[in-house]
Amino acid sequence: MKIQKNNIPPYVAFKTFQTFLEFLSEDMPSRIDRSVWVNRFSGSNGTQLMTAIKFFELVDLDGIPSDDFQNLISKDINIQKKTLRKILYKFYDHIFKLDLASATKYQFREAFRKFGTKEGVLVKCESFFIQAAKFSQIDLSSHILARRHNNNEKLKSQTNSNSQSVSYKKNSFEKNTNIVKIILDKYPEFDPSWTPEVQKAWIESLTKLYESLNN
């Protein structure tokens, strides 16, 4: 069996990878090609899934699934975990030269840089590995995991802050609108018989009122 090589580590979301495996577990085709996933996954996700499949050598040059691929879609979750664990140790061999139970996030990043992948993709590559390792019950240090936890907390904090800001602006706008409505209800209607000076004063005061609402 001729194996199709790929040196770019998986950078698809691990959840998407699992969803793909679940999809295949219902009816594994005799060959993995674009027609298998094109109607199920977006173009970018499909491409990233194929990158992962080729990196793990789960298909040969003709797209024929390997035994490991068959085991990954097993209904037995223990077989899935055991197979994925074996695959991770095989294809991330230099990553496992670290003591992942105590490694720092910088050691982890330096090891991933050895793949030669672009910096912009590295974070996604690390994320896939971390989630796959956790699923396979491989111990990872709190230093490696803390980076993700802190980023998630930061994103959550930013989201909450933005939501509060939008809510404040909305309440402020509604409050100003109500005040303006009360003022307009008491405002005299424009009368063409007014002197030019009175007409000008009426228009200027109304303009200032609307400007205050928009500020």
N, C-alpha and C. Protein backbone atom coordinates (compact mmCIF):
# COMPACT_ATOMS: atom_id res chain seq x y z
N MET A 1 0.85 -1.20 0.00
CA MET A 1 0.00 0.00 0.00
C MET A 1 0.88 1.24 0.00
N LYS A 2 0.74 2.09 -1.02
CA LYS A 2 1.50 3.33 -1.08
C LYS A 2 0.79 4.42 -0.28
N ILE A 3 1.51 4.99 0.67
CA ILE A 3 0.91 5.98 1.56
C ILE A 3 1.14 7.39 1.01
N GLN A 4 0.09 8.22 1.11
CA GLN A 4 0.19 9.61 0.70
C GLN A 4 0.71 10.43 1.86
N LYS A 5 1.89 11.03 1.72
CA LYS A 5 2.53 11.78 2.79
C LYS A 5 2.01 13.22 2.86
N ASN A 6 2.01 13.75 4.06
CA ASN A 6 1.66 15.15 4.26
C ASN A 6 2.34 15.62 5.54
N ASN A 7 3.16 16.66 5.43
CA ASN A 7 3.94 17.12 6.58
C ASN A 7 3.26 18.20 7.41
N ILE A 8 2.09 18.68 6.96
CA ILE A 8 1.37 19.71 7.71
C ILE A 8 0.48 19.03 8.75
N PRO A 9 0.71 19.28 10.05
CA PRO A 9 -0.12 18.63 11.06
C PRO A 9 -1.55 19.15 11.01
N PRO A 10 -2.50 18.38 11.50
CA PRO A 10 -3.90 18.79 11.46
C PRO A 10 -4.14 20.14 12.15
N TYR A 11 -4.94 20.98 11.49
CA TYR A 11 -5.30 22.26 12.09
C TYR A 11 -6.82 22.49 12.02
N VAL A 12 -7.54 21.44 11.62
CA VAL A 12 -8.99 21.50 11.67
C VAL A 12 -9.43 21.43 13.13
N ALA A 13 -10.59 21.96 13.45
CA ALA A 13 -11.10 21.85 14.82
C ALA A 13 -11.30 20.37 15.15
N PHE A 14 -10.84 19.95 16.33
CA PHE A 14 -10.94 18.53 16.68
C PHE A 14 -12.39 18.07 16.70
N LYS A 15 -13.30 18.95 17.10
CA LYS A 15 -14.73 18.60 17.12
C LYS A 15 -15.21 18.29 15.71
N THR A 16 -14.74 19.04 14.73
CA THR A 16 -15.11 18.77 13.33
C THR A 16 -14.55 17.42 12.88
N PHE A 17 -13.34 17.12 13.32
CA PHE A 17 -12.71 15.83 13.00
C PHE A 17 -13.55 14.69 13.58
N GLN A 18 -13.99 14.85 14.82
CA GLN A 18 -14.82 13.83 15.45
C GLN A 18 -16.16 13.68 14.74
N THR A 19 -16.74 14.81 14.34
CA THR A 19 -18.01 14.78 13.61
C THR A 19 -17.86 14.02 12.30
N PHE A 20 -16.71 14.22 11.64
CA PHE A 20 -16.43 13.52 10.39
C PHE A 20 -16.33 12.01 10.63
N LEU A 21 -15.66 11.63 11.71
CA LEU A 21 -15.53 10.21 12.04
C LEU A 21 -16.89 9.59 12.35
N GLU A 22 -17.71 10.32 13.07
CA GLU A 22 -19.06 9.84 13.39
C GLU A 22 -19.89 9.66 12.11
N PHE A 23 -19.74 10.62 11.20
CA PHE A 23 -20.42 10.55 9.92
C PHE A 23 -20.00 9.30 9.14
N LEU A 24 -18.70 9.01 9.12
CA LEU A 24 -18.19 7.85 8.40
C LEU A 24 -18.57 6.54 9.07
N SER A 25 -18.73 6.58 10.39
CA SER A 25 -19.06 5.35 11.13
C SER A 25 -20.42 4.79 10.71
N GLU A 26 -21.27 5.65 10.15
CA GLU A 26 -22.59 5.19 9.71
C GLU A 26 -22.49 4.40 8.40
N ASP A 27 -21.52 4.76 7.58
CA ASP A 27 -21.37 4.07 6.29
C ASP A 27 -20.02 4.42 5.69
N MET A 28 -18.99 3.71 6.09
CA MET A 28 -17.63 3.97 5.60
C MET A 28 -17.52 3.62 4.12
N PRO A 29 -17.17 4.58 3.27
CA PRO A 29 -17.03 4.29 1.84
C PRO A 29 -15.75 3.50 1.56
N SER A 30 -15.68 2.91 0.39
CA SER A 30 -14.50 2.12 0.04
C SER A 30 -13.31 3.02 -0.30
N ARG A 31 -13.62 4.30 -0.61
CA ARG A 31 -12.57 5.25 -0.92
C ARG A 31 -12.95 6.62 -0.35
N ILE A 32 -11.95 7.34 0.17
CA ILE A 32 -12.18 8.68 0.69
C ILE A 32 -11.77 9.69 -0.36
N ASP A 33 -12.75 10.41 -0.89
CA ASP A 33 -12.45 11.47 -1.85
C ASP A 33 -13.40 12.64 -1.58
N ARG A 34 -13.30 13.67 -2.38
CA ARG A 34 -14.05 14.91 -2.15
C ARG A 34 -15.56 14.68 -2.11
N SER A 35 -16.04 13.73 -2.89
CA SER A 35 -17.48 13.48 -2.94
C SER A 35 -18.05 13.00 -1.61
N VAL A 36 -17.16 12.47 -0.76
CA VAL A 36 -17.61 11.95 0.54
C VAL A 36 -18.04 13.08 1.47
N TRP A 37 -17.28 14.19 1.44
CA TRP A 37 -17.54 15.26 2.40
C TRP A 37 -18.08 16.55 1.81
N VAL A 38 -18.08 16.69 0.48
CA VAL A 38 -18.41 17.97 -0.13
C VAL A 38 -19.80 18.49 0.23
N ASN A 39 -20.78 17.61 0.40
CA ASN A 39 -22.14 18.04 0.74
C ASN A 39 -22.39 18.12 2.25
N ARG A 40 -21.40 17.72 3.01
CA ARG A 40 -21.56 17.66 4.46
C ARG A 40 -20.74 18.74 5.17
N PHE A 41 -19.57 19.05 4.61
CA PHE A 41 -18.67 20.01 5.24
C PHE A 41 -18.30 21.10 4.24
N SER A 42 -18.02 22.29 4.78
CA SER A 42 -17.66 23.42 3.92
C SER A 42 -16.33 23.13 3.23
N GLY A 43 -16.04 23.91 2.19
CA GLY A 43 -14.81 23.71 1.45
C GLY A 43 -13.57 23.75 2.30
N SER A 44 -13.49 24.76 3.20
CA SER A 44 -12.30 24.89 4.05
C SER A 44 -12.20 23.75 5.05
N ASN A 45 -13.33 23.37 5.64
CA ASN A 45 -13.32 22.25 6.59
C ASN A 45 -12.95 20.95 5.89
N GLY A 46 -13.48 20.77 4.69
CA GLY A 46 -13.17 19.55 3.94
C GLY A 46 -11.70 19.45 3.63
N THR A 47 -11.11 20.57 3.22
CA THR A 47 -9.68 20.60 2.92
C THR A 47 -8.85 20.31 4.16
N GLN A 48 -9.25 20.89 5.28
CA GLN A 48 -8.52 20.67 6.54
C GLN A 48 -8.68 19.23 7.03
N LEU A 49 -9.84 18.64 6.80
CA LEU A 49 -10.04 17.24 7.17
C LEU A 49 -9.13 16.33 6.35
N MET A 50 -9.02 16.62 5.06
CA MET A 50 -8.14 15.81 4.21
C MET A 50 -6.68 15.99 4.60
N THR A 51 -6.33 17.19 5.05
CA THR A 51 -4.96 17.43 5.53
C THR A 51 -4.67 16.53 6.72
N ALA A 52 -5.63 16.43 7.64
CA ALA A 52 -5.46 15.57 8.83
C ALA A 52 -5.36 14.10 8.44
N ILE A 53 -6.23 13.68 7.53
CA ILE A 53 -6.25 12.28 7.10
C ILE A 53 -4.93 11.88 6.45
N LYS A 54 -4.39 12.77 5.62
CA LYS A 54 -3.13 12.48 4.94
C LYS A 54 -1.94 12.52 5.90
N PHE A 55 -2.00 13.46 6.86
CA PHE A 55 -0.91 13.54 7.85
C PHE A 55 -0.82 12.26 8.66
N PHE A 56 -1.98 11.73 9.04
CA PHE A 56 -2.01 10.50 9.84
C PHE A 56 -1.93 9.24 8.97
N GLU A 57 -1.78 9.43 7.64
CA GLU A 57 -1.66 8.31 6.69
C GLU A 57 -2.82 7.33 6.85
N LEU A 58 -4.02 7.91 6.97
CA LEU A 58 -5.22 7.09 7.14
C LEU A 58 -5.76 6.56 5.82
N VAL A 59 -5.22 7.09 4.70
CA VAL A 59 -5.59 6.57 3.38
C VAL A 59 -4.31 6.43 2.55
N ASP A 60 -4.36 5.57 1.54
CA ASP A 60 -3.20 5.44 0.64
C ASP A 60 -3.38 6.40 -0.53
N LEU A 61 -2.52 6.29 -1.53
CA LEU A 61 -2.57 7.20 -2.68
C LEU A 61 -3.87 7.10 -3.46
N ASP A 62 -4.55 5.97 -3.33
CA ASP A 62 -5.83 5.78 -4.02
C ASP A 62 -7.02 6.14 -3.14
N GLY A 63 -6.73 6.62 -1.92
CA GLY A 63 -7.81 7.02 -1.02
C GLY A 63 -8.45 5.88 -0.25
N ILE A 64 -7.82 4.71 -0.27
CA ILE A 64 -8.35 3.53 0.43
C ILE A 64 -8.07 3.66 1.93
N PRO A 65 -9.09 3.54 2.79
CA PRO A 65 -8.91 3.69 4.24
C PRO A 65 -8.01 2.60 4.83
N SER A 66 -7.20 3.00 5.80
CA SER A 66 -6.31 2.05 6.48
C SER A 66 -7.05 1.37 7.62
N ASP A 67 -6.40 0.39 8.25
CA ASP A 67 -6.99 -0.29 9.40
C ASP A 67 -7.18 0.69 10.56
N ASP A 68 -6.21 1.60 10.73
CA ASP A 68 -6.34 2.60 11.79
C ASP A 68 -7.57 3.47 11.57
N PHE A 69 -7.84 3.79 10.31
CA PHE A 69 -9.01 4.60 9.99
C PHE A 69 -10.28 3.84 10.39
N GLN A 70 -10.30 2.58 10.08
CA GLN A 70 -11.46 1.75 10.43
C GLN A 70 -11.65 1.72 11.95
N ASN A 71 -10.54 1.66 12.68
CA ASN A 71 -10.63 1.62 14.15
C ASN A 71 -11.08 2.96 14.73
N LEU A 72 -10.72 4.05 14.06
CA LEU A 72 -11.11 5.37 14.55
C LEU A 72 -12.62 5.60 14.48
N ILE A 73 -13.29 4.89 13.58
CA ILE A 73 -14.74 5.05 13.47
C ILE A 73 -15.49 3.92 14.17
N SER A 74 -14.76 3.16 14.97
CA SER A 74 -15.37 2.07 15.73
C SER A 74 -16.45 2.61 16.67
N LYS A 75 -17.46 1.80 16.89
CA LYS A 75 -18.53 2.17 17.83
C LYS A 75 -18.03 2.07 19.27
N ASP A 76 -16.91 1.38 19.45
CA ASP A 76 -16.30 1.22 20.77
C ASP A 76 -15.37 2.40 21.02
N ILE A 77 -15.76 3.28 21.94
CA ILE A 77 -14.98 4.49 22.20
C ILE A 77 -13.59 4.17 22.73
N ASN A 78 -13.44 3.05 23.42
CA ASN A 78 -12.11 2.66 23.93
C ASN A 78 -11.16 2.32 22.79
N ILE A 79 -11.70 1.71 21.73
CA ILE A 79 -10.89 1.41 20.56
C ILE A 79 -10.50 2.71 19.87
N GLN A 80 -11.43 3.64 19.81
CA GLN A 80 -11.15 4.96 19.22
C GLN A 80 -9.99 5.64 19.97
N LYS A 81 -10.11 5.67 21.29
CA LYS A 81 -9.08 6.34 22.11
C LYS A 81 -7.73 5.66 21.97
N LYS A 82 -7.73 4.33 22.01
CA LYS A 82 -6.48 3.58 21.91
C LYS A 82 -5.81 3.82 20.56
N THR A 83 -6.63 3.83 19.49
CA THR A 83 -6.09 4.02 18.14
C THR A 83 -5.55 5.43 17.97
N LEU A 84 -6.31 6.41 18.43
CA LEU A 84 -5.87 7.80 18.29
C LEU A 84 -4.61 8.04 19.11
N ARG A 85 -4.54 7.46 20.27
CA ARG A 85 -3.35 7.59 21.12
C ARG A 85 -2.12 7.05 20.38
N LYS A 86 -2.28 5.88 19.77
CA LYS A 86 -1.18 5.26 19.02
C LYS A 86 -0.75 6.16 17.87
N ILE A 87 -1.73 6.73 17.16
CA ILE A 87 -1.46 7.61 16.03
C ILE A 87 -0.72 8.87 16.47
N LEU A 88 -1.15 9.46 17.58
CA LEU A 88 -0.51 10.67 18.08
C LEU A 88 0.96 10.41 18.42
N TYR A 89 1.23 9.31 19.09
CA TYR A 89 2.61 8.99 19.45
C TYR A 89 3.46 8.76 18.20
N LYS A 90 2.86 8.22 17.16
CA LYS A 90 3.61 7.93 15.94
C LYS A 90 3.93 9.19 15.13
N PHE A 91 2.96 10.06 14.98
CA PHE A 91 3.14 11.20 14.07
C PHE A 91 3.54 12.51 14.76
N TYR A 92 3.49 12.51 16.07
CA TYR A 92 4.00 13.67 16.82
C TYR A 92 5.19 13.23 17.68
N ASP A 93 6.01 12.36 17.11
CA ASP A 93 7.08 11.76 17.91
C ASP A 93 7.98 12.79 18.58
N HIS A 94 8.34 13.88 17.88
CA HIS A 94 9.25 14.85 18.51
C HIS A 94 8.52 15.70 19.57
N ILE A 95 7.20 15.78 19.48
CA ILE A 95 6.44 16.47 20.53
C ILE A 95 6.52 15.67 21.82
N PHE A 96 6.46 14.35 21.68
CA PHE A 96 6.49 13.48 22.86
C PHE A 96 7.90 13.32 23.45
N LYS A 97 8.88 13.93 22.80
CA LYS A 97 10.21 13.96 23.41
C LYS A 97 10.22 14.92 24.60
N LEU A 98 9.21 15.80 24.62
CA LEU A 98 9.01 16.67 25.80
C LEU A 98 8.32 15.86 26.88
N ASP A 99 8.49 16.29 28.10
CA ASP A 99 7.68 15.73 29.18
C ASP A 99 6.42 16.57 29.21
N LEU A 100 5.40 16.12 28.47
CA LEU A 100 4.19 16.91 28.31
C LEU A 100 3.44 17.14 29.62
N ALA A 101 3.74 16.34 30.62
CA ALA A 101 3.08 16.50 31.90
C ALA A 101 3.63 17.69 32.69
N SER A 102 4.81 18.21 32.24
CA SER A 102 5.40 19.35 32.95
C SER A 102 5.94 20.43 32.01
N ALA A 103 5.81 20.23 30.70
CA ALA A 103 6.35 21.18 29.72
C ALA A 103 5.66 22.54 29.80
N THR A 104 6.40 23.59 29.46
CA THR A 104 5.84 24.94 29.44
C THR A 104 5.23 25.20 28.06
N LYS A 105 4.45 26.26 27.97
CA LYS A 105 3.82 26.57 26.69
C LYS A 105 4.85 26.96 25.64
N TYR A 106 5.99 27.54 26.06
CA TYR A 106 7.03 27.91 25.10
C TYR A 106 7.77 26.68 24.58
N GLN A 107 8.00 25.71 25.43
CA GLN A 107 8.59 24.45 24.98
C GLN A 107 7.66 23.77 23.97
N PHE A 108 6.40 23.82 24.28
CA PHE A 108 5.37 23.22 23.43
C PHE A 108 5.36 23.92 22.06
N ARG A 109 5.39 25.24 22.05
CA ARG A 109 5.38 26.02 20.81
C ARG A 109 6.65 25.75 20.00
N GLU A 110 7.80 25.71 20.67
CA GLU A 110 9.07 25.46 19.97
C GLU A 110 9.05 24.10 19.28
N ALA A 111 8.47 23.12 19.94
CA ALA A 111 8.39 21.78 19.36
C ALA A 111 7.50 21.79 18.12
N PHE A 112 6.39 22.53 18.17
CA PHE A 112 5.48 22.58 17.02
C PHE A 112 6.10 23.34 15.85
N ARG A 113 6.97 24.30 16.14
CA ARG A 113 7.62 25.06 15.07
C ARG A 113 8.48 24.15 14.18
N LYS A 114 8.91 23.02 14.71
CA LYS A 114 9.77 22.11 13.95
C LYS A 114 9.03 21.48 12.77
N PHE A 115 7.70 21.59 12.77
CA PHE A 115 6.95 21.10 11.61
C PHE A 115 7.14 22.02 10.41
N GLY A 116 7.60 23.26 10.68
CA GLY A 116 7.79 24.21 9.60
C GLY A 116 6.51 24.85 9.13
N THR A 117 5.46 24.73 9.93
CA THR A 117 4.17 25.31 9.58
C THR A 117 4.17 26.82 9.82
N LYS A 118 3.40 27.56 9.04
CA LYS A 118 3.31 29.00 9.21
C LYS A 118 2.80 29.35 10.60
N GLU A 119 3.31 30.45 11.14
CA GLU A 119 2.96 30.87 12.50
C GLU A 119 1.45 31.02 12.68
N GLY A 120 0.78 31.53 11.66
CA GLY A 120 -0.65 31.77 11.77
C GLY A 120 -1.47 30.49 11.95
N VAL A 121 -0.91 29.36 11.53
CA VAL A 121 -1.62 28.08 11.62
C VAL A 121 -1.21 27.30 12.88
N LEU A 122 -0.07 27.67 13.46
CA LEU A 122 0.47 26.92 14.60
C LEU A 122 -0.52 26.78 15.75
N VAL A 123 -1.20 27.86 16.08
CA VAL A 123 -2.14 27.82 17.21
C VAL A 123 -3.23 26.78 16.97
N LYS A 124 -3.71 26.71 15.72
CA LYS A 124 -4.74 25.73 15.38
C LYS A 124 -4.18 24.31 15.43
N CYS A 125 -2.93 24.16 15.01
CA CYS A 125 -2.27 22.84 15.07
C CYS A 125 -2.15 22.38 16.52
N GLU A 126 -1.75 23.31 17.38
CA GLU A 126 -1.61 23.00 18.81
C GLU A 126 -2.97 22.65 19.41
N SER A 127 -3.99 23.40 19.01
CA SER A 127 -5.32 23.18 19.56
C SER A 127 -5.83 21.79 19.21
N PHE A 128 -5.62 21.36 17.96
CA PHE A 128 -6.05 20.01 17.57
C PHE A 128 -5.34 18.97 18.41
N PHE A 129 -4.03 19.12 18.55
CA PHE A 129 -3.26 18.14 19.31
C PHE A 129 -3.72 18.08 20.76
N ILE A 130 -3.94 19.25 21.36
CA ILE A 130 -4.36 19.30 22.77
C ILE A 130 -5.69 18.58 22.96
N GLN A 131 -6.66 18.87 22.10
CA GLN A 131 -7.97 18.23 22.23
C GLN A 131 -7.90 16.73 21.95
N ALA A 132 -7.09 16.35 20.97
CA ALA A 132 -6.92 14.93 20.65
C ALA A 132 -6.24 14.20 21.81
N ALA A 133 -5.23 14.86 22.42
CA ALA A 133 -4.52 14.26 23.56
C ALA A 133 -5.45 14.09 24.76
N LYS A 134 -6.26 15.09 24.99
CA LYS A 134 -7.21 15.01 26.11
C LYS A 134 -8.21 13.88 25.88
N PHE A 135 -8.70 13.76 24.65
CA PHE A 135 -9.63 12.68 24.32
C PHE A 135 -8.97 11.32 24.51
N SER A 136 -7.68 11.25 24.17
CA SER A 136 -6.93 9.99 24.28
C SER A 136 -6.39 9.74 25.68
N GLN A 137 -6.69 10.65 26.58
CA GLN A 137 -6.27 10.54 27.99
C GLN A 137 -4.74 10.58 28.12
N ILE A 138 -4.14 11.49 27.37
CA ILE A 138 -2.71 11.74 27.50
C ILE A 138 -2.53 12.95 28.40
N ASP A 139 -1.70 12.83 29.40
CA ASP A 139 -1.50 13.91 30.37
C ASP A 139 -0.78 15.10 29.74
N LEU A 140 -1.33 16.28 29.97
CA LEU A 140 -0.72 17.53 29.53
C LEU A 140 -0.55 18.44 30.74
N SER A 141 0.52 19.22 30.73
CA SER A 141 0.79 20.08 31.87
C SER A 141 -0.24 21.21 31.98
N SER A 142 -0.38 21.71 33.19
CA SER A 142 -1.29 22.83 33.42
C SER A 142 -0.80 24.07 32.68
N HIS A 143 0.51 24.14 32.42
CA HIS A 143 1.09 25.28 31.70
C HIS A 143 0.59 25.30 30.25
N ILE A 144 0.53 24.14 29.63
CA ILE A 144 0.04 24.04 28.25
C ILE A 144 -1.45 24.35 28.20
N LEU A 145 -2.18 23.80 29.15
CA LEU A 145 -3.63 23.99 29.16
C LEU A 145 -4.03 25.38 29.62
N ALA A 146 -3.21 25.99 30.47
CA ALA A 146 -3.55 27.32 31.02
C ALA A 146 -3.63 28.36 29.92
N ARG A 147 -2.81 28.23 28.93
CA ARG A 147 -2.80 29.19 27.82
C ARG A 147 -4.17 29.23 27.15
N ARG A 148 -4.74 28.07 26.92
CA ARG A 148 -6.06 28.00 26.30
C ARG A 148 -7.13 28.52 27.24
N HIS A 149 -6.99 28.18 28.53
CA HIS A 149 -7.98 28.62 29.51
C HIS A 149 -7.99 30.14 29.60
N ASN A 150 -6.79 30.73 29.63
CA ASN A 150 -6.70 32.18 29.74
C ASN A 150 -7.27 32.87 28.51
N ASN A 151 -6.99 32.29 27.33
CA ASN A 151 -7.51 32.87 26.10
C ASN A 151 -9.02 32.81 26.06
N ASN A 152 -9.58 31.68 26.53
CA ASN A 152 -11.04 31.54 26.55
C ASN A 152 -11.67 32.51 27.53
N GLU A 153 -11.01 32.69 28.70
CA GLU A 153 -11.53 33.62 29.69
C GLU A 153 -11.46 35.05 29.16
N LYS A 154 -10.37 35.36 28.44
CA LYS A 154 -10.21 36.71 27.89
C LYS A 154 -11.29 36.99 26.87
N LEU A 155 -11.54 35.98 25.99
CA LEU A 155 -12.57 36.14 24.98
C LEU A 155 -13.94 36.30 25.62
N LYS A 156 -14.20 35.52 26.68
CA LYS A 156 -15.47 35.60 27.38
C LYS A 156 -15.64 36.96 28.02
N SER A 157 -14.55 37.47 28.61
CA SER A 157 -14.58 38.78 29.26
C SER A 157 -14.85 39.88 28.24
N GLN A 158 -14.18 39.78 27.06
CA GLN A 158 -14.38 40.78 26.02
C GLN A 158 -15.81 40.74 25.50
N THR A 159 -16.35 39.52 25.36
CA THR A 159 -17.72 39.38 24.88
C THR A 159 -18.70 40.00 25.86
N ASN A 160 -18.50 39.72 27.17
CA ASN A 160 -19.37 40.29 28.18
C ASN A 160 -19.28 41.81 28.20
N SER A 161 -18.04 42.31 28.05
CA SER A 161 -17.82 43.76 28.06
C SER A 161 -18.52 44.42 26.89
N ASN A 162 -18.40 43.79 25.71
CA ASN A 162 -19.06 44.33 24.52
C ASN A 162 -20.57 44.30 24.66
N SER A 163 -21.08 43.21 25.25
CA SER A 163 -22.53 43.08 25.45
C SER A 163 -23.04 44.15 26.40
N GLN A 164 -22.27 44.38 27.47
CA GLN A 164 -22.66 45.40 28.44
C GLN A 164 -22.64 46.78 27.80
N SER A 165 -21.62 47.02 26.94
CA SER A 165 -21.51 48.31 26.27
C SER A 165 -22.69 48.55 25.34
N VAL A 166 -23.06 47.52 24.57
CA VAL A 166 -24.19 47.63 23.66
C VAL A 166 -25.48 47.86 24.45
N SER A 167 -25.63 47.12 25.56
CA SER A 167 -26.82 47.27 26.39
C SER A 167 -26.92 48.67 26.98
N TYR A 168 -25.75 49.20 27.43
CA TYR A 168 -25.73 50.54 28.00
C TYR A 168 -26.12 51.58 26.96
N LYS A 169 -25.56 51.45 25.74
CA LYS A 169 -25.86 52.41 24.68
C LYS A 169 -27.33 52.33 24.29
N LYS A 170 -27.87 51.12 24.28
CA LYS A 170 -29.28 50.95 23.93
C LYS A 170 -30.17 51.60 24.96
N ASN A 171 -29.87 51.36 26.24
CA ASN A 171 -30.67 51.96 27.32
C ASN A 171 -30.56 53.47 27.32
N SER A 172 -29.33 53.96 27.04
CA SER A 172 -29.10 55.40 27.01
C SER A 172 -29.87 56.04 25.87
N PHE A 173 -29.88 55.36 24.71
CA PHE A 173 -30.59 55.88 23.55
C PHE A 173 -32.09 55.93 23.82
N GLU A 174 -32.61 54.83 24.42
CA GLU A 174 -34.04 54.78 24.71
C GLU A 174 -34.44 55.86 25.71
N LYS A 175 -33.56 56.09 26.69
CA LYS A 175 -33.83 57.12 27.69
C LYS A 175 -33.87 58.50 27.04
N ASN A 176 -32.87 58.80 26.19
CA ASN A 176 -32.83 60.09 25.50
C ASN A 176 -34.04 60.27 24.59
N THR A 177 -34.43 59.17 23.92
CA THR A 177 -35.58 59.25 23.02
C THR A 177 -36.85 59.61 23.78
N ASN A 178 -37.02 59.01 24.94
CA ASN A 178 -38.21 59.31 25.76
C ASN A 178 -38.23 60.76 26.21
N ILE A 179 -37.04 61.28 26.59
CA ILE A 179 -36.95 62.68 27.03
C ILE A 179 -37.31 63.62 25.89
N VAL A 180 -36.74 63.33 24.70
CA VAL A 180 -37.01 64.17 23.54
C VAL A 180 -38.49 64.15 23.19
N LYS A 181 -39.09 62.96 23.30
CA LYS A 181 -40.52 62.84 22.98
C LYS A 181 -41.36 63.72 23.91
N ILE A 182 -40.99 63.73 25.18
CA ILE A 182 -41.73 64.56 26.15
C ILE A 182 -41.59 66.03 25.79
N ILE A 183 -40.35 66.42 25.42
CA ILE A 183 -40.10 67.82 25.07
C ILE A 183 -40.86 68.21 23.81
N LEU A 184 -40.85 67.33 22.80
CA LEU A 184 -41.53 67.63 21.54
C LEU A 184 -43.03 67.75 21.70
N ASP A 185 -43.57 66.94 22.64
CA ASP A 185 -45.01 67.02 22.88
C ASP A 185 -45.42 68.40 23.37
N LYS A 186 -44.48 69.08 24.05
CA LYS A 186 -44.76 70.41 24.59
C LYS A 186 -44.26 71.52 23.66
N TYR A 187 -43.63 71.10 22.56
CA TYR A 187 -43.07 72.09 21.63
C TYR A 187 -44.18 72.70 20.79
N PRO A 188 -44.16 74.01 20.56
CA PRO A 188 -45.18 74.64 19.71
C PRO A 188 -44.99 74.25 18.26
N GLU A 189 -46.10 74.08 17.55
CA GLU A 189 -46.01 73.76 16.14
C GLU A 189 -45.51 74.99 15.38
N PHE A 190 -44.79 74.71 14.28
CA PHE A 190 -44.24 75.80 13.48
C PHE A 190 -45.38 76.63 12.87
N ASP A 191 -45.24 77.92 12.98
CA ASP A 191 -46.26 78.84 12.48
C ASP A 191 -45.61 79.77 11.45
N PRO A 192 -46.02 79.68 10.18
CA PRO A 192 -45.44 80.53 9.14
C PRO A 192 -45.64 82.02 9.37
N SER A 193 -46.58 82.36 10.24
CA SER A 193 -46.85 83.77 10.48
C SER A 193 -45.85 84.39 11.47
N TRP A 194 -45.00 83.54 12.06
CA TRP A 194 -44.00 84.08 12.99
C TRP A 194 -43.05 84.99 12.24
N THR A 195 -42.43 85.88 12.99
CA THR A 195 -41.41 86.75 12.40
C THR A 195 -40.19 85.90 12.04
N PRO A 196 -39.37 86.35 11.09
CA PRO A 196 -38.18 85.59 10.71
C PRO A 196 -37.27 85.25 11.90
N GLU A 197 -37.19 86.16 12.87
CA GLU A 197 -36.34 85.92 14.04
C GLU A 197 -36.87 84.76 14.86
N VAL A 198 -38.20 84.71 15.05
CA VAL A 198 -38.82 83.63 15.84
C VAL A 198 -38.69 82.29 15.10
N GLN A 199 -38.90 82.33 13.79
CA GLN A 199 -38.77 81.10 12.99
C GLN A 199 -37.34 80.54 13.09
N LYS A 200 -36.34 81.44 13.00
CA LYS A 200 -34.94 81.02 13.08
C LYS A 200 -34.62 80.43 14.45
N ALA A 201 -35.14 81.06 15.50
CA ALA A 201 -34.91 80.57 16.86
C ALA A 201 -35.55 79.19 17.05
N TRP A 202 -36.73 78.99 16.48
CA TRP A 202 -37.44 77.70 16.60
C TRP A 202 -36.63 76.59 15.90
N ILE A 203 -36.14 76.88 14.69
CA ILE A 203 -35.37 75.88 13.93
C ILE A 203 -34.06 75.55 14.64
N GLU A 204 -33.37 76.58 15.17
CA GLU A 204 -32.09 76.36 15.85
C GLU A 204 -32.27 75.52 17.12
N SER A 205 -33.32 75.84 17.87
CA SER A 205 -33.55 75.08 19.11
C SER A 205 -33.90 73.63 18.82
N LEU A 206 -34.67 73.38 17.74
CA LEU A 206 -35.03 72.02 17.37
C LEU A 206 -33.81 71.25 16.88
N THR A 207 -32.92 71.95 16.13
CA THR A 207 -31.69 71.33 15.64
C THR A 207 -30.80 70.90 16.79
N LYS A 208 -30.65 71.75 17.79
CA LYS A 208 -29.84 71.43 18.97
C LYS A 208 -30.41 70.24 19.73
N LEU A 209 -31.73 70.16 19.73
CA LEU A 209 -32.38 69.06 20.43
C LEU A 209 -32.03 67.72 19.77
N TYR A 210 -32.08 67.68 18.44
CA TYR A 210 -31.74 66.47 17.72
C TYR A 210 -30.25 66.13 17.81
N GLU A 211 -29.43 67.16 17.83
CA GLU A 211 -27.97 66.93 17.98
C GLU A 211 -27.66 66.31 19.34
N SER A 212 -28.37 66.74 20.36
CA SER A 212 -28.14 66.19 21.71
C SER A 212 -28.54 64.71 21.77
N LEU A 213 -29.54 64.35 20.96
CA LEU A 213 -29.97 62.95 20.93
C LEU A 213 -28.92 62.06 20.29
N ASN A 214 -28.22 62.55 19.28
CA ASN A 214 -27.23 61.76 18.54
C ASN A 214 -25.86 61.72 19.21
N ASN A 215 -25.59 62.59 20.16
CA ASN A 215 -24.30 62.62 20.84
C ASN A 215 -24.24 61.57 21.95
